[in-house]
Each structure stands twice: as structure tokens, then as C-alpha cells.
Amino acid sequence: MASDFYAVDSKPAFGHIPRTPQPVSIDEVQAALRELNRRYSA
């Protein structure tokens, strides 16, 4: 994650981001950002 603030102690590649029901992986975050860039880039 961009910040360790949301890191899950026992799973460093996961973060528990506010308003998410469960921790998400950095891979999921990066894939979502890539998809947003693909959809909304000029």
C-alpha cells in the first residue's frame, strides 16, 4: 500500500482500507487503478 497505516500486520501485501469488508491485496488495488486509467484516460 502507499501507506503502512492500513497494512494488515500478519499479511504485509494486504491492507484494510476504510469501508472495505475485508483486506484487499496490493495487486487488487493496482488492477483497479489500471482499469480506472484505461476507462478514463483521454
N, C-alpha and C. Protein backbone atom coordinates (compact mmCIF):
# COMPACT_ATOMS: atom_id res chain seq x y z
N MET A 1 0.84 -1.17 0.00
CA MET A 1 0.00 0.00 0.00
C MET A 1 0.89 1.24 0.00
N ALA A 2 0.32 2.32 -0.38
CA ALA A 2 1.07 3.56 -0.38
C ALA A 2 1.45 3.96 1.04
N SER A 3 0.68 3.51 1.99
CA SER A 3 0.96 3.83 3.38
C SER A 3 0.84 2.56 4.21
N ASP A 4 1.67 2.47 5.24
CA ASP A 4 1.58 1.34 6.15
C ASP A 4 0.42 1.50 7.13
N PHE A 5 -0.24 2.63 7.10
CA PHE A 5 -1.33 2.90 8.03
C PHE A 5 -2.42 1.83 7.95
N TYR A 6 -2.73 1.35 6.75
CA TYR A 6 -3.79 0.36 6.56
C TYR A 6 -3.26 -1.06 6.42
N ALA A 7 -1.97 -1.26 6.63
CA ALA A 7 -1.38 -2.59 6.46
C ALA A 7 -1.95 -3.57 7.47
N VAL A 8 -2.08 -4.81 7.03
CA VAL A 8 -2.50 -5.90 7.92
C VAL A 8 -1.22 -6.53 8.46
N ASP A 9 -1.06 -6.53 9.76
CA ASP A 9 0.19 -6.97 10.38
C ASP A 9 0.67 -8.34 9.92
N SER A 10 -0.23 -9.31 9.88
CA SER A 10 0.19 -10.67 9.55
C SER A 10 0.29 -10.92 8.04
N LYS A 11 -0.17 -9.95 7.23
CA LYS A 11 -0.15 -10.09 5.76
C LYS A 11 0.28 -8.77 5.15
N PRO A 12 1.59 -8.53 5.03
CA PRO A 12 2.06 -7.22 4.57
C PRO A 12 1.62 -6.83 3.17
N ALA A 13 1.23 -7.77 2.33
CA ALA A 13 0.78 -7.43 0.97
C ALA A 13 -0.70 -7.05 0.95
N PHE A 14 -1.34 -7.01 2.12
CA PHE A 14 -2.75 -6.67 2.21
C PHE A 14 -2.94 -5.41 3.03
N GLY A 15 -3.99 -4.71 2.73
CA GLY A 15 -4.36 -3.54 3.51
C GLY A 15 -5.84 -3.57 3.80
N HIS A 16 -6.22 -3.07 4.97
CA HIS A 16 -7.64 -2.99 5.31
C HIS A 16 -8.05 -1.53 5.15
N ILE A 17 -8.52 -1.23 3.97
CA ILE A 17 -8.88 0.13 3.59
C ILE A 17 -10.27 0.43 4.14
N PRO A 18 -10.49 1.66 4.63
CA PRO A 18 -11.81 2.01 5.18
C PRO A 18 -12.94 1.69 4.20
N ARG A 19 -14.04 1.24 4.76
CA ARG A 19 -15.27 0.90 4.02
C ARG A 19 -15.11 -0.31 3.11
N THR A 20 -14.09 -1.13 3.34
CA THR A 20 -13.99 -2.41 2.63
C THR A 20 -14.30 -3.51 3.63
N PRO A 21 -15.06 -4.51 3.23
CA PRO A 21 -15.46 -5.55 4.17
C PRO A 21 -14.32 -6.45 4.63
N GLN A 22 -13.27 -6.52 3.84
CA GLN A 22 -12.14 -7.39 4.19
C GLN A 22 -10.88 -6.78 3.60
N PRO A 23 -9.72 -7.21 4.05
CA PRO A 23 -8.48 -6.69 3.49
C PRO A 23 -8.38 -6.95 1.99
N VAL A 24 -7.72 -6.02 1.29
CA VAL A 24 -7.50 -6.16 -0.14
C VAL A 24 -6.00 -6.22 -0.41
N SER A 25 -5.64 -6.93 -1.45
CA SER A 25 -4.22 -7.05 -1.77
C SER A 25 -3.75 -5.87 -2.60
N ILE A 26 -2.48 -5.60 -2.54
CA ILE A 26 -1.90 -4.53 -3.36
C ILE A 26 -2.14 -4.83 -4.83
N ASP A 27 -2.15 -6.09 -5.21
CA ASP A 27 -2.42 -6.47 -6.61
C ASP A 27 -3.83 -6.04 -7.03
N GLU A 28 -4.80 -6.21 -6.13
CA GLU A 28 -6.18 -5.79 -6.45
C GLU A 28 -6.27 -4.28 -6.60
N VAL A 29 -5.57 -3.55 -5.73
CA VAL A 29 -5.58 -2.09 -5.80
C VAL A 29 -4.95 -1.63 -7.11
N GLN A 30 -3.81 -2.21 -7.46
CA GLN A 30 -3.14 -1.82 -8.70
C GLN A 30 -3.98 -2.16 -9.92
N ALA A 31 -4.65 -3.30 -9.91
CA ALA A 31 -5.50 -3.69 -11.04
C ALA A 31 -6.67 -2.71 -11.17
N ALA A 32 -7.25 -2.31 -10.06
CA ALA A 32 -8.35 -1.35 -10.11
C ALA A 32 -7.89 0.00 -10.64
N LEU A 33 -6.71 0.44 -10.21
CA LEU A 33 -6.18 1.71 -10.71
C LEU A 33 -5.89 1.64 -12.21
N ARG A 34 -5.35 0.52 -12.68
CA ARG A 34 -5.10 0.36 -14.11
C ARG A 34 -6.41 0.41 -14.89
N GLU A 35 -7.44 -0.23 -14.37
CA GLU A 35 -8.75 -0.23 -15.04
C GLU A 35 -9.33 1.17 -15.09
N LEU A 36 -9.23 1.91 -13.99
CA LEU A 36 -9.72 3.29 -14.00
C LEU A 36 -8.97 4.15 -15.00
N ASN A 37 -7.66 3.97 -15.05
CA ASN A 37 -6.85 4.71 -16.03
C ASN A 37 -7.25 4.36 -17.45
N ARG A 38 -7.51 3.07 -17.69
CA ARG A 38 -7.91 2.63 -19.02
C ARG A 38 -9.25 3.25 -19.42
N ARG A 39 -10.18 3.25 -18.49
CA ARG A 39 -11.53 3.77 -18.79
C ARG A 39 -11.59 5.27 -18.96
N TYR A 40 -10.81 5.99 -18.17
CA TYR A 40 -10.99 7.44 -18.12
C TYR A 40 -9.82 8.26 -18.66
N SER A 41 -8.84 7.62 -19.25
CA SER A 41 -7.76 8.40 -19.85
C SER A 41 -8.17 8.89 -21.23
N ALA A 42 -7.63 9.99 -21.60
CA ALA A 42 -8.03 10.63 -22.86
C ALA A 42 -7.53 9.91 -24.07
